[in-house]
Amino acid sequence: MKQEVISMNRPLLKSRGLSTHHIEIFEFILSGKSNREINQMLGYSKKSHVVVDHSRKVMYKLLAMEDLCRKEHIGEVVFPRGYCFWWKGLLLKHQQQLMEIAIKPEYYVNALNDII
C-alpha cells in the first residue's frame, strides 16, 4: 500500500462553504502573487487548480453581494489580476460581511490527523 505525503501547512476543509482560507488566497492574488507562488506557499502541487477554484468562490460571492451578473463580468473573473483595483474595491467594501459568513480556522482539519 502506497502512503501519500501530505504537507503539514495545507489546510483541509471539511465543508464546501466559503472559508477564511478562500479569502486569504484571493488576497494573495490581488497582491500580485502568481498561482504557482501561492501553490508553493500553501503546500499545493505546482499544477493544482485549488487557487483558481478558491478565488473564484470569493469572486462569485462578491458579485452576488453587488447584485452583478456572472455572465456580464466573466472577464473580471477569468483575469482577476487585470482588474485587481476593481476587485480590491469590492473586497474592501464587503470584507466585514464576508468574514462574518466565512468558516473560521478552528473548523480546519489537519490532514495528518485524518491519516492517524
PDB file of N, CA and C in Angstrom:
ATOM      1  N   MET A   1       0.839  -1.190   0.000  1.00  0.00           N
ATOM      2  CA  MET A   1       0.000   0.000   0.000  1.00  0.00           C
ATOM      3  C   MET A   1       0.879   1.247   0.000  1.00  0.00           C
ATOM      4  N   LYS A   2       0.633   2.138  -0.916  1.00  0.00           N
ATOM      5  CA  LYS A   2       1.431   3.350  -1.062  1.00  0.00           C
ATOM      6  C   LYS A   2       0.880   4.447  -0.147  1.00  0.00           C
ATOM      7  N   GLN A   3       1.778   5.057   0.629  1.00  0.00           N
ATOM      8  CA  GLN A   3       1.343   6.115   1.548  1.00  0.00           C
ATOM      9  C   GLN A   3       1.671   7.473   0.944  1.00  0.00           C
ATOM     10  N   GLU A   4       0.690   8.363   0.934  1.00  0.00           N
ATOM     11  CA  GLU A   4       0.877   9.707   0.405  1.00  0.00           C
ATOM     12  C   GLU A   4       1.537  10.599   1.438  1.00  0.00           C
ATOM     13  N   VAL A   5       2.373  11.498   0.955  1.00  0.00           N
ATOM     14  CA  VAL A   5       2.959  12.507   1.820  1.00  0.00           C
ATOM     15  C   VAL A   5       2.102  13.756   1.705  1.00  0.00           C
ATOM     16  N   ILE A   6       1.602  14.233   2.818  1.00  0.00           N
ATOM     17  CA  ILE A   6       0.727  15.402   2.828  1.00  0.00           C
ATOM     18  C   ILE A   6       1.429  16.522   3.569  1.00  0.00           C
ATOM     19  N   SER A   7       1.413  17.701   2.979  1.00  0.00           N
ATOM     20  CA  SER A   7       2.052  18.862   3.581  1.00  0.00           C
ATOM     21  C   SER A   7       1.376  19.220   4.901  1.00  0.00           C
ATOM     22  N   MET A   8       2.169  19.602   5.863  1.00  0.00           N
ATOM     23  CA  MET A   8       1.651  19.946   7.190  1.00  0.00           C
ATOM     24  C   MET A   8       0.917  21.285   7.201  1.00  0.00           C
ATOM     25  N   ASN A   9       1.275  22.212   6.297  1.00  0.00           N
ATOM     26  CA  ASN A   9       0.688  23.545   6.373  1.00  0.00           C
ATOM     27  C   ASN A   9      -0.507  23.730   5.444  1.00  0.00           C
ATOM     28  N   ARG A  10      -0.921  22.692   4.734  1.00  0.00           N
ATOM     29  CA  ARG A  10      -2.044  22.820   3.809  1.00  0.00           C
ATOM     30  C   ARG A  10      -3.350  22.529   4.539  1.00  0.00           C
ATOM     31  N   PRO A  11      -4.217  23.531   4.681  1.00  0.00           N
ATOM     32  CA  PRO A  11      -5.483  23.290   5.364  1.00  0.00           C
ATOM     33  C   PRO A  11      -6.392  22.381   4.551  1.00  0.00           C
ATOM     34  N   LEU A  12      -7.060  21.496   5.224  1.00  0.00           N
ATOM     35  CA  LEU A  12      -8.024  20.619   4.596  1.00  0.00           C
ATOM     36  C   LEU A  12      -9.372  20.964   5.193  1.00  0.00           C
ATOM     37  N   LEU A  13     -10.317  21.353   4.351  1.00  0.00           N
ATOM     38  CA  LEU A  13     -11.618  21.767   4.842  1.00  0.00           C
ATOM     39  C   LEU A  13     -12.600  20.621   4.812  1.00  0.00           C
ATOM     40  N   LYS A  14     -13.416  20.530   5.829  1.00  0.00           N
ATOM     41  CA  LYS A  14     -14.458  19.516   5.891  1.00  0.00           C
ATOM     42  C   LYS A  14     -15.775  20.053   5.343  1.00  0.00           C
ATOM     43  N   SER A  15     -15.786  21.258   4.823  1.00  0.00           N
ATOM     44  CA  SER A  15     -17.004  21.866   4.317  1.00  0.00           C
ATOM     45  C   SER A  15     -16.745  22.431   2.929  1.00  0.00           C
ATOM     46  N   ARG A  16     -17.785  22.532   2.139  1.00  0.00           N
ATOM     47  CA  ARG A  16     -17.660  23.126   0.812  1.00  0.00           C
ATOM     48  C   ARG A  16     -17.972  24.621   0.834  1.00  0.00           C
ATOM     49  N   GLY A  17     -18.295  25.151   1.974  1.00  0.00           N
ATOM     50  CA  GLY A  17     -18.659  26.554   2.079  1.00  0.00           C
ATOM     51  C   GLY A  17     -17.478  27.490   1.970  1.00  0.00           C
ATOM     52  N   LEU A  18     -17.774  28.770   1.881  1.00  0.00           N
ATOM     53  CA  LEU A  18     -16.754  29.806   1.833  1.00  0.00           C
ATOM     54  C   LEU A  18     -15.994  29.817   3.148  1.00  0.00           C
ATOM     55  N   SER A  19     -14.686  29.866   3.083  1.00  0.00           N
ATOM     56  CA  SER A  19     -13.873  29.884   4.295  1.00  0.00           C
ATOM     57  C   SER A  19     -12.919  31.067   4.278  1.00  0.00           C
ATOM     58  N   THR A  20     -12.325  31.334   5.421  1.00  0.00           N
ATOM     59  CA  THR A  20     -11.331  32.401   5.500  1.00  0.00           C
ATOM     60  C   THR A  20     -10.114  32.054   4.642  1.00  0.00           C
ATOM     61  N   HIS A  21      -9.863  30.765   4.439  1.00  0.00           N
ATOM     62  CA  HIS A  21      -8.765  30.333   3.575  1.00  0.00           C
ATOM     63  C   HIS A  21      -9.006  30.785   2.130  1.00  0.00           C
ATOM     64  N   HIS A  22     -10.232  30.709   1.652  1.00  0.00           N
ATOM     65  CA  HIS A  22     -10.576  31.185   0.305  1.00  0.00           C
ATOM     66  C   HIS A  22     -10.279  32.675   0.187  1.00  0.00           C
ATOM     67  N   ILE A  23     -10.656  33.423   1.199  1.00  0.00           N
ATOM     68  CA  ILE A  23     -10.454  34.874   1.188  1.00  0.00           C
ATOM     69  C   ILE A  23      -8.966  35.204   1.204  1.00  0.00           C
ATOM     70  N   GLU A  24      -8.179  34.479   1.994  1.00  0.00           N
ATOM     71  CA  GLU A  24      -6.727  34.692   2.036  1.00  0.00           C
ATOM     72  C   GLU A  24      -6.097  34.455   0.661  1.00  0.00           C
ATOM     73  N   ILE A  25      -6.504  33.382  -0.006  1.00  0.00           N
ATOM     74  CA  ILE A  25      -5.972  33.081  -1.342  1.00  0.00           C
ATOM     75  C   ILE A  25      -6.325  34.206  -2.309  1.00  0.00           C
ATOM     76  N   PHE A  26      -7.541  34.707  -2.244  1.00  0.00           N
ATOM     77  CA  PHE A  26      -7.951  35.805  -3.118  1.00  0.00           C
ATOM     78  C   PHE A  26      -7.126  37.062  -2.824  1.00  0.00           C
ATOM     79  N   GLU A  27      -6.835  37.316  -1.568  1.00  0.00           N
ATOM     80  CA  GLU A  27      -5.994  38.467  -1.214  1.00  0.00           C
ATOM     81  C   GLU A  27      -4.575  38.308  -1.747  1.00  0.00           C
ATOM     82  N   PHE A  28      -4.034  37.074  -1.745  1.00  0.00           N
ATOM     83  CA  PHE A  28      -2.713  36.821  -2.335  1.00  0.00           C
ATOM     84  C   PHE A  28      -2.729  37.138  -3.820  1.00  0.00           C
ATOM     85  N   ILE A  29      -3.800  36.757  -4.504  1.00  0.00           N
ATOM     86  CA  ILE A  29      -3.918  37.048  -5.939  1.00  0.00           C
ATOM     87  C   ILE A  29      -3.935  38.550  -6.170  1.00  0.00           C
ATOM     88  N   LEU A  30      -4.699  39.269  -5.369  1.00  0.00           N
ATOM     89  CA  LEU A  30      -4.790  40.721  -5.538  1.00  0.00           C
ATOM     90  C   LEU A  30      -3.485  41.430  -5.176  1.00  0.00           C
ATOM     91  N   SER A  31      -2.640  40.791  -4.380  1.00  0.00           N
ATOM     92  CA  SER A  31      -1.354  41.397  -4.027  1.00  0.00           C
ATOM     93  C   SER A  31      -0.308  41.186  -5.119  1.00  0.00           C
ATOM     94  N   GLY A  32      -0.674  40.399  -6.157  1.00  0.00           N
ATOM     95  CA  GLY A  32       0.236  40.242  -7.288  1.00  0.00           C
ATOM     96  C   GLY A  32       0.990  38.926  -7.325  1.00  0.00           C
ATOM     97  N   LYS A  33       0.759  38.045  -6.398  1.00  0.00           N
ATOM     98  CA  LYS A  33       1.441  36.752  -6.394  1.00  0.00           C
ATOM     99  C   LYS A  33       0.861  35.859  -7.498  1.00  0.00           C
ATOM    100  N   SER A  34       1.735  35.058  -8.115  1.00  0.00           N
ATOM    101  CA  SER A  34       1.275  34.142  -9.164  1.00  0.00           C
ATOM    102  C   SER A  34       0.638  32.910  -8.525  1.00  0.00           C
ATOM    103  N   ASN A  35      -0.107  32.172  -9.333  1.00  0.00           N
ATOM    104  CA  ASN A  35      -0.742  30.957  -8.834  1.00  0.00           C
ATOM    105  C   ASN A  35       0.300  29.955  -8.353  1.00  0.00           C
ATOM    106  N   ARG A  36       1.399  29.846  -9.068  1.00  0.00           N
ATOM    107  CA  ARG A  36       2.464  28.917  -8.646  1.00  0.00           C
ATOM    108  C   ARG A  36       3.063  29.323  -7.312  1.00  0.00           C
ATOM    109  N   GLU A  37       3.287  30.618  -7.118  1.00  0.00           N
ATOM    110  CA  GLU A  37       3.811  31.096  -5.834  1.00  0.00           C
ATOM    111  C   GLU A  37       2.858  30.761  -4.698  1.00  0.00           C
ATOM    112  N   ILE A  38       1.588  30.977  -4.923  1.00  0.00           N
ATOM    113  CA  ILE A  38       0.579  30.704  -3.898  1.00  0.00           C
ATOM    114  C   ILE A  38       0.510  29.204  -3.624  1.00  0.00           C
ATOM    115  N   ASN A  39       0.531  28.389  -4.685  1.00  0.00           N
ATOM    116  CA  ASN A  39       0.535  26.937  -4.508  1.00  0.00           C
ATOM    117  C   ASN A  39       1.726  26.490  -3.659  1.00  0.00           C
ATOM    118  N   GLN A  40       2.890  27.046  -3.951  1.00  0.00           N
ATOM    119  CA  GLN A  40       4.099  26.677  -3.207  1.00  0.00           C
ATOM    120  C   GLN A  40       4.007  27.128  -1.751  1.00  0.00           C
ATOM    121  N   MET A  41       3.514  28.336  -1.517  1.00  0.00           N
ATOM    122  CA  MET A  41       3.386  28.856  -0.152  1.00  0.00           C
ATOM    123  C   MET A  41       2.449  28.000   0.686  1.00  0.00           C
ATOM    124  N   LEU A  42       1.365  27.533   0.077  1.00  0.00           N
ATOM    125  CA  LEU A  42       0.328  26.824   0.813  1.00  0.00           C
ATOM    126  C   LEU A  42       0.480  25.309   0.767  1.00  0.00           C
ATOM    127  N   GLY A  43       1.482  24.821   0.050  1.00  0.00           N
ATOM    128  CA  GLY A  43       1.751  23.391   0.031  1.00  0.00           C
ATOM    129  C   GLY A  43       0.967  22.594  -0.988  1.00  0.00           C
ATOM    130  N   TYR A  44       0.378  23.257  -1.967  1.00  0.00           N
ATOM    131  CA  TYR A  44      -0.329  22.554  -3.031  1.00  0.00           C
ATOM    132  C   TYR A  44       0.664  22.205  -4.144  1.00  0.00           C
ATOM    133  N   SER A  45       0.311  21.274  -5.005  1.00  0.00           N
ATOM    134  CA  SER A  45       1.200  20.906  -6.109  1.00  0.00           C
ATOM    135  C   SER A  45       1.311  22.062  -7.104  1.00  0.00           C
ATOM    136  N   LYS A  46       2.346  22.014  -7.951  1.00  0.00           N
ATOM    137  CA  LYS A  46       2.582  23.093  -8.911  1.00  0.00           C
ATOM    138  C   LYS A  46       1.402  23.314  -9.848  1.00  0.00           C
ATOM    139  N   LYS A  47       0.767  22.244 -10.247  1.00  0.00           N
ATOM    140  CA  LYS A  47      -0.314  22.343 -11.224  1.00  0.00           C
ATOM    141  C   LYS A  47      -1.697  22.306 -10.585  1.00  0.00           C
ATOM    142  N   SER A  48      -1.753  22.481  -9.295  1.00  0.00           N
ATOM    143  CA  SER A  48      -3.029  22.434  -8.590  1.00  0.00           C
ATOM    144  C   SER A  48      -3.952  23.544  -9.076  1.00  0.00           C
ATOM    145  N   HIS A  49      -5.221  23.245  -9.123  1.00  0.00           N
ATOM    146  CA  HIS A  49      -6.230  24.205  -9.578  1.00  0.00           C
ATOM    147  C   HIS A  49      -6.964  24.825  -8.392  1.00  0.00           C
ATOM    148  N   VAL A  50      -6.507  24.523  -7.183  1.00  0.00           N
ATOM    149  CA  VAL A  50      -7.166  24.977  -5.961  1.00  0.00           C
ATOM    150  C   VAL A  50      -7.199  26.496  -5.860  1.00  0.00           C
ATOM    151  N   VAL A  51      -6.105  27.151  -6.203  1.00  0.00           N
ATOM    152  CA  VAL A  51      -6.032  28.612  -6.099  1.00  0.00           C
ATOM    153  C   VAL A  51      -7.116  29.250  -6.962  1.00  0.00           C
ATOM    154  N   VAL A  52      -7.262  28.770  -8.172  1.00  0.00           N
ATOM    155  CA  VAL A  52      -8.267  29.314  -9.086  1.00  0.00           C
ATOM    156  C   VAL A  52      -9.675  29.034  -8.554  1.00  0.00           C
ATOM    157  N   ASP A  53      -9.915  27.792  -8.143  1.00  0.00           N
ATOM    158  CA  ASP A  53     -11.248  27.417  -7.644  1.00  0.00           C
ATOM    159  C   ASP A  53     -11.631  28.205  -6.397  1.00  0.00           C
ATOM    160  N   HIS A  54     -10.704  28.308  -5.451  1.00  0.00           N
ATOM    161  CA  HIS A  54     -10.996  29.017  -4.201  1.00  0.00           C
ATOM    162  C   HIS A  54     -11.203  30.506  -4.431  1.00  0.00           C
ATOM    163  N   SER A  55     -10.376  31.114  -5.283  1.00  0.00           N
ATOM    164  CA  SER A  55     -10.529  32.550  -5.530  1.00  0.00           C
ATOM    165  C   SER A  55     -11.826  32.849  -6.283  1.00  0.00           C
ATOM    166  N   ARG A  56     -12.220  31.947  -7.179  1.00  0.00           N
ATOM    167  CA  ARG A  56     -13.479  32.152  -7.909  1.00  0.00           C
ATOM    168  C   ARG A  56     -14.676  32.106  -6.972  1.00  0.00           C
ATOM    169  N   LYS A  57     -14.597  31.278  -5.959  1.00  0.00           N
ATOM    170  CA  LYS A  57     -15.694  31.209  -4.993  1.00  0.00           C
ATOM    171  C   LYS A  57     -15.884  32.579  -4.331  1.00  0.00           C
ATOM    172  N   VAL A  58     -14.779  33.243  -4.006  1.00  0.00           N
ATOM    173  CA  VAL A  58     -14.848  34.576  -3.393  1.00  0.00           C
ATOM    174  C   VAL A  58     -15.362  35.592  -4.407  1.00  0.00           C
ATOM    175  N   MET A  59     -14.873  35.522  -5.634  1.00  0.00           N
ATOM    176  CA  MET A  59     -15.314  36.476  -6.657  1.00  0.00           C
ATOM    177  C   MET A  59     -16.807  36.339  -6.935  1.00  0.00           C
ATOM    178  N   TYR A  60     -17.285  35.109  -7.037  1.00  0.00           N
ATOM    179  CA  TYR A  60     -18.716  34.902  -7.270  1.00  0.00           C
ATOM    180  C   TYR A  60     -19.548  35.415  -6.101  1.00  0.00           C
ATOM    181  N   LYS A  61     -19.043  35.247  -4.892  1.00  0.00           N
ATOM    182  CA  LYS A  61     -19.756  35.749  -3.711  1.00  0.00           C
ATOM    183  C   LYS A  61     -19.795  37.277  -3.747  1.00  0.00           C
ATOM    184  N   LEU A  62     -18.689  37.917  -4.128  1.00  0.00           N
ATOM    185  CA  LEU A  62     -18.656  39.380  -4.219  1.00  0.00           C
ATOM    186  C   LEU A  62     -19.610  39.889  -5.297  1.00  0.00           C
ATOM    187  N   LEU A  63     -19.646  39.198  -6.439  1.00  0.00           N
ATOM    188  CA  LEU A  63     -20.587  39.597  -7.495  1.00  0.00           C
ATOM    189  C   LEU A  63     -22.023  39.498  -7.002  1.00  0.00           C
ATOM    190  N   ALA A  64     -22.320  38.439  -6.258  1.00  0.00           N
ATOM    191  CA  ALA A  64     -23.679  38.274  -5.723  1.00  0.00           C
ATOM    192  C   ALA A  64     -24.001  39.375  -4.716  1.00  0.00           C
ATOM    193  N   MET A  65     -23.038  39.774  -3.909  1.00  0.00           N
ATOM    194  CA  MET A  65     -23.269  40.832  -2.920  1.00  0.00           C
ATOM    195  C   MET A  65     -23.535  42.173  -3.591  1.00  0.00           C
ATOM    196  N   GLU A  66     -22.988  42.346  -4.791  1.00  0.00           N
ATOM    197  CA  GLU A  66     -23.192  43.587  -5.549  1.00  0.00           C
ATOM    198  C   GLU A  66     -24.369  43.482  -6.518  1.00  0.00           C
ATOM    199  N   ASP A  67     -25.043  42.356  -6.536  1.00  0.00           N
ATOM    200  CA  ASP A  67     -26.136  42.093  -7.482  1.00  0.00           C
ATOM    201  C   ASP A  67     -25.692  42.245  -8.932  1.00  0.00           C
ATOM    202  N   LEU A  68     -24.497  41.719  -9.227  1.00  0.00           N
ATOM    203  CA  LEU A  68     -23.948  41.756 -10.577  1.00  0.00           C
ATOM    204  C   LEU A  68     -24.045  40.368 -11.203  1.00  0.00           C
ATOM    205  N   CYS A  69     -24.279  40.315 -12.485  1.00  0.00           N
ATOM    206  CA  CYS A  69     -24.444  39.066 -13.224  1.00  0.00           C
ATOM    207  C   CYS A  69     -23.075  38.447 -13.541  1.00  0.00           C
ATOM    208  N   ARG A  70     -22.973  37.130 -13.334  1.00  0.00           N
ATOM    209  CA  ARG A  70     -21.723  36.421 -13.640  1.00  0.00           C
ATOM    210  C   ARG A  70     -21.367  36.540 -15.119  1.00  0.00           C
ATOM    211  N   LYS A  71     -22.359  36.384 -15.987  1.00  0.00           N
ATOM    212  CA  LYS A  71     -22.112  36.419 -17.438  1.00  0.00           C
ATOM    213  C   LYS A  71     -21.503  37.743 -17.882  1.00  0.00           C
ATOM    214  N   GLU A  72     -21.994  38.822 -17.328  1.00  0.00           N
ATOM    215  CA  GLU A  72     -21.517  40.146 -17.731  1.00  0.00           C
ATOM    216  C   GLU A  72     -20.126  40.461 -17.188  1.00  0.00           C
ATOM    217  N   HIS A  73     -19.689  39.733 -16.180  1.00  0.00           N
ATOM    218  CA  HIS A  73     -18.396  40.010 -15.542  1.00  0.00           C
ATOM    219  C   HIS A  73     -17.453  38.825 -15.622  1.00  0.00           C
ATOM    220  N   ILE A  74     -17.611  37.996 -16.651  1.00  0.00           N
ATOM    221  CA  ILE A  74     -16.764  36.817 -16.805  1.00  0.00           C
ATOM    222  C   ILE A  74     -15.298  37.207 -17.035  1.00  0.00           C
ATOM    223  N   GLY A  75     -15.066  38.319 -17.717  1.00  0.00           N
ATOM    224  CA  GLY A  75     -13.696  38.788 -17.936  1.00  0.00           C
ATOM    225  C   GLY A  75     -12.987  39.125 -16.635  1.00  0.00           C
ATOM    226  N   GLU A  76     -13.699  39.745 -15.719  1.00  0.00           N
ATOM    227  CA  GLU A  76     -13.124  40.087 -14.418  1.00  0.00           C
ATOM    228  C   GLU A  76     -12.838  38.834 -13.592  1.00  0.00           C
ATOM    229  N   VAL A  77     -13.656  37.803 -13.773  1.00  0.00           N
ATOM    230  CA  VAL A  77     -13.458  36.554 -13.026  1.00  0.00           C
ATOM    231  C   VAL A  77     -12.292  35.759 -13.607  1.00  0.00           C
ATOM    232  N   VAL A  78     -12.208  35.712 -14.928  1.00  0.00           N
ATOM    233  CA  VAL A  78     -11.157  34.935 -15.581  1.00  0.00           C
ATOM    234  C   VAL A  78      -9.789  35.602 -15.431  1.00  0.00           C
ATOM    235  N   PHE A  79      -9.745  36.912 -15.453  1.00  0.00           N
ATOM    236  CA  PHE A  79      -8.484  37.648 -15.339  1.00  0.00           C
ATOM    237  C   PHE A  79      -8.519  38.596 -14.139  1.00  0.00           C
ATOM    238  N   PRO A  80      -8.536  38.067 -12.921  1.00  0.00           N
ATOM    239  CA  PRO A  80      -8.679  38.941 -11.744  1.00  0.00           C
ATOM    240  C   PRO A  80      -7.509  39.895 -11.535  1.00  0.00           C
ATOM    241  N   ARG A  81      -6.320  39.504 -11.974  1.00  0.00           N
ATOM    242  CA  ARG A  81      -5.164  40.388 -11.799  1.00  0.00           C
ATOM    243  C   ARG A  81      -5.260  41.624 -12.687  1.00  0.00           C
ATOM    244  N   GLY A  82      -5.901  41.492 -13.828  1.00  0.00           N
ATOM    245  CA  GLY A  82      -6.107  42.630 -14.729  1.00  0.00           C
ATOM    246  C   GLY A  82      -7.115  43.633 -14.187  1.00  0.00           C
ATOM    247  N   TYR A  83      -7.964  43.177 -13.301  1.00  0.00           N
ATOM    248  CA  TYR A  83      -8.986  44.035 -12.700  1.00  0.00           C
ATOM    249  C   TYR A  83      -8.791  44.127 -11.187  1.00  0.00           C
ATOM    250  N   CYS A  84      -7.544  44.031 -10.734  1.00  0.00           N
ATOM    251  CA  CYS A  84      -7.298  43.930  -9.289  1.00  0.00           C
ATOM    252  C   CYS A  84      -7.782  45.156  -8.518  1.00  0.00           C
ATOM    253  N   PHE A  85      -7.721  46.345  -9.094  1.00  0.00           N
ATOM    254  CA  PHE A  85      -8.197  47.527  -8.368  1.00  0.00           C
ATOM    255  C   PHE A  85      -9.717  47.469  -8.173  1.00  0.00           C
ATOM    256  N   TRP A  86     -10.414  46.985  -9.177  1.00  0.00           N
ATOM    257  CA  TRP A  86     -11.861  46.834  -9.077  1.00  0.00           C
ATOM    258  C   TRP A  86     -12.209  45.791  -8.021  1.00  0.00           C
ATOM    259  N   TRP A  87     -11.503  44.632  -8.062  1.00  0.00           N
ATOM    260  CA  TRP A  87     -11.747  43.581  -7.071  1.00  0.00           C
ATOM    261  C   TRP A  87     -11.382  44.029  -5.659  1.00  0.00           C
ATOM    262  N   LYS A  88     -10.278  44.784  -5.540  1.00  0.00           N
ATOM    263  CA  LYS A  88      -9.883  45.281  -4.208  1.00  0.00           C
ATOM    264  C   LYS A  88     -10.959  46.184  -3.623  1.00  0.00           C
ATOM    265  N   GLY A  89     -11.543  47.009  -4.465  1.00  0.00           N
ATOM    266  CA  GLY A  89     -12.622  47.884  -4.004  1.00  0.00           C
ATOM    267  C   GLY A  89     -13.819  47.095  -3.506  1.00  0.00           C
ATOM    268  N   LEU A  90     -14.209  46.076  -4.267  1.00  0.00           N
ATOM    269  CA  LEU A  90     -15.330  45.231  -3.847  1.00  0.00           C
ATOM    270  C   LEU A  90     -14.997  44.464  -2.575  1.00  0.00           C
ATOM    271  N   LEU A  91     -13.770  43.955  -2.495  1.00  0.00           N
ATOM    272  CA  LEU A  91     -13.372  43.192  -1.314  1.00  0.00           C
ATOM    273  C   LEU A  91     -13.361  44.074  -0.072  1.00  0.00           C
ATOM    274  N   LEU A  92     -12.819  45.272  -0.189  1.00  0.00           N
ATOM    275  CA  LEU A  92     -12.809  46.182   0.961  1.00  0.00           C
ATOM    276  C   LEU A  92     -14.227  46.555   1.389  1.00  0.00           C
ATOM    277  N   LYS A  93     -15.085  46.751   0.411  1.00  0.00           N
ATOM    278  CA  LYS A  93     -16.467  47.129   0.699  1.00  0.00           C
ATOM    279  C   LYS A  93     -17.221  46.028   1.447  1.00  0.00           C
ATOM    280  N   HIS A  94     -16.955  44.767   1.094  1.00  0.00           N
ATOM    281  CA  HIS A  94     -17.725  43.649   1.645  1.00  0.00           C
ATOM    282  C   HIS A  94     -16.912  42.728   2.561  1.00  0.00           C
ATOM    283  N   GLN A  95     -15.686  43.108   2.896  1.00  0.00           N
ATOM    284  CA  GLN A  95     -14.822  42.208   3.654  1.00  0.00           C
ATOM    285  C   GLN A  95     -15.409  41.836   5.015  1.00  0.00           C
ATOM    286  N   GLN A  96     -15.962  42.795   5.718  1.00  0.00           N
ATOM    287  CA  GLN A  96     -16.545  42.515   7.030  1.00  0.00           C
ATOM    288  C   GLN A  96     -17.672  41.487   6.919  1.00  0.00           C
ATOM    289  N   GLN A  97     -18.538  41.670   5.949  1.00  0.00           N
ATOM    290  CA  GLN A  97     -19.651  40.751   5.750  1.00  0.00           C
ATOM    291  C   GLN A  97     -19.152  39.363   5.331  1.00  0.00           C
ATOM    292  N   LEU A  98     -18.125  39.312   4.462  1.00  0.00           N
ATOM    293  CA  LEU A  98     -17.556  38.034   4.047  1.00  0.00           C
ATOM    294  C   LEU A  98     -16.958  37.277   5.233  1.00  0.00           C
ATOM    295  N   MET A  99     -16.243  38.002   6.071  1.00  0.00           N
ATOM    296  CA  MET A  99     -15.606  37.364   7.224  1.00  0.00           C
ATOM    297  C   MET A  99     -16.639  36.842   8.222  1.00  0.00           C
ATOM    298  N   GLU A 100     -17.781  37.484   8.282  1.00  0.00           N
ATOM    299  CA  GLU A 100     -18.836  37.018   9.188  1.00  0.00           C
ATOM    300  C   GLU A 100     -19.464  35.712   8.714  1.00  0.00           C
ATOM    301  N   ILE A 101     -19.577  35.530   7.389  1.00  0.00           N
ATOM    302  CA  ILE A 101     -20.206  34.317   6.882  1.00  0.00           C
ATOM    303  C   ILE A 101     -19.201  33.199   6.591  1.00  0.00           C
ATOM    304  N   ALA A 102     -17.910  33.512   6.582  1.00  0.00           N
ATOM    305  CA  ALA A 102     -16.881  32.518   6.254  1.00  0.00           C
ATOM    306  C   ALA A 102     -16.652  31.554   7.419  1.00  0.00           C
ATOM    307  N   ILE A 103     -16.291  30.332   7.064  1.00  0.00           N
ATOM    308  CA  ILE A 103     -15.934  29.327   8.064  1.00  0.00           C
ATOM    309  C   ILE A 103     -14.611  29.733   8.687  1.00  0.00           C
ATOM    310  N   LYS A 104     -14.547  29.690   9.990  1.00  0.00           N
ATOM    311  CA  LYS A 104     -13.360  30.129  10.728  1.00  0.00           C
ATOM    312  C   LYS A 104     -12.291  29.029  10.772  1.00  0.00           C
ATOM    313  N   PRO A 105     -11.022  29.404  11.022  1.00  0.00           N
ATOM    314  CA  PRO A 105      -9.917  28.431  11.028  1.00  0.00           C
ATOM    315  C   PRO A 105     -10.068  27.289  12.027  1.00  0.00           C
ATOM    316  N   GLU A 106     -10.796  27.441  13.098  1.00  0.00           N
ATOM    317  CA  GLU A 106     -10.915  26.345  14.051  1.00  0.00           C
ATOM    318  C   GLU A 106     -11.667  25.150  13.467  1.00  0.00           C
ATOM    319  N   TYR A 107     -12.322  25.331  12.315  1.00  0.00           N
ATOM    320  CA  TYR A 107     -13.009  24.229  11.662  1.00  0.00           C
ATOM    321  C   TYR A 107     -12.135  23.526  10.640  1.00  0.00           C
ATOM    322  N   TYR A 108     -10.891  24.014  10.445  1.00  0.00           N
ATOM    323  CA  TYR A 108      -9.967  23.341   9.545  1.00  0.00           C
ATOM    324  C   TYR A 108      -9.493  22.055  10.221  1.00  0.00           C
ATOM    325  N   VAL A 109      -9.223  21.078   9.438  1.00  0.00           N
ATOM    326  CA  VAL A 109      -8.732  19.804   9.966  1.00  0.00           C
ATOM    327  C   VAL A 109      -7.351  19.582   9.402  1.00  0.00           C
ATOM    328  N   ASN A 110      -6.421  19.281  10.277  1.00  0.00           N
ATOM    329  CA  ASN A 110      -5.068  18.976   9.839  1.00  0.00           C
ATOM    330  C   ASN A 110      -5.105  17.637   9.109  1.00  0.00           C
ATOM    331  N   ALA A 111      -4.567  17.591   7.907  1.00  0.00           N
ATOM    332  CA  ALA A 111      -4.615  16.383   7.105  1.00  0.00           C
ATOM    333  C   ALA A 111      -3.911  15.222   7.800  1.00  0.00           C
ATOM    334  N   LEU A 112      -2.904  15.497   8.580  1.00  0.00           N
ATOM    335  CA  LEU A 112      -2.172  14.445   9.277  1.00  0.00           C
ATOM    336  C   LEU A 112      -3.063  13.744  10.298  1.00  0.00           C
ATOM    337  N   ASN A 113      -3.953  14.477  10.959  1.00  0.00           N
ATOM    338  CA  ASN A 113      -4.863  13.872  11.925  1.00  0.00           C
ATOM    339  C   ASN A 113      -5.823  12.897  11.274  1.00  0.00           C
ATOM    340  N   ASP A 114      -6.174  13.152  10.003  1.00  0.00           N
ATOM    341  CA  ASP A 114      -7.085  12.258   9.296  1.00  0.00           C
ATOM    342  C   ASP A 114      -6.430  10.917   8.974  1.00  0.00           C
ATOM    343  N   ILE A 115      -5.123  10.950   8.763  1.00  0.00           N
ATOM    344  CA  ILE A 115      -4.400   9.732   8.418  1.00  0.00           C
ATOM    345  C   ILE A 115      -4.220   8.848   9.651  1.00  0.00           C
ATOM    346  N   ILE A 116      -3.946   9.477  10.774  1.00  0.00           N
ATOM    347  CA  ILE A 116      -3.665   8.732  12.018  1.00  0.00           C
ATOM    348  C   ILE A 116      -4.871   8.171  12.626  1.00  0.00           C
TER     349      ILE A 116
END
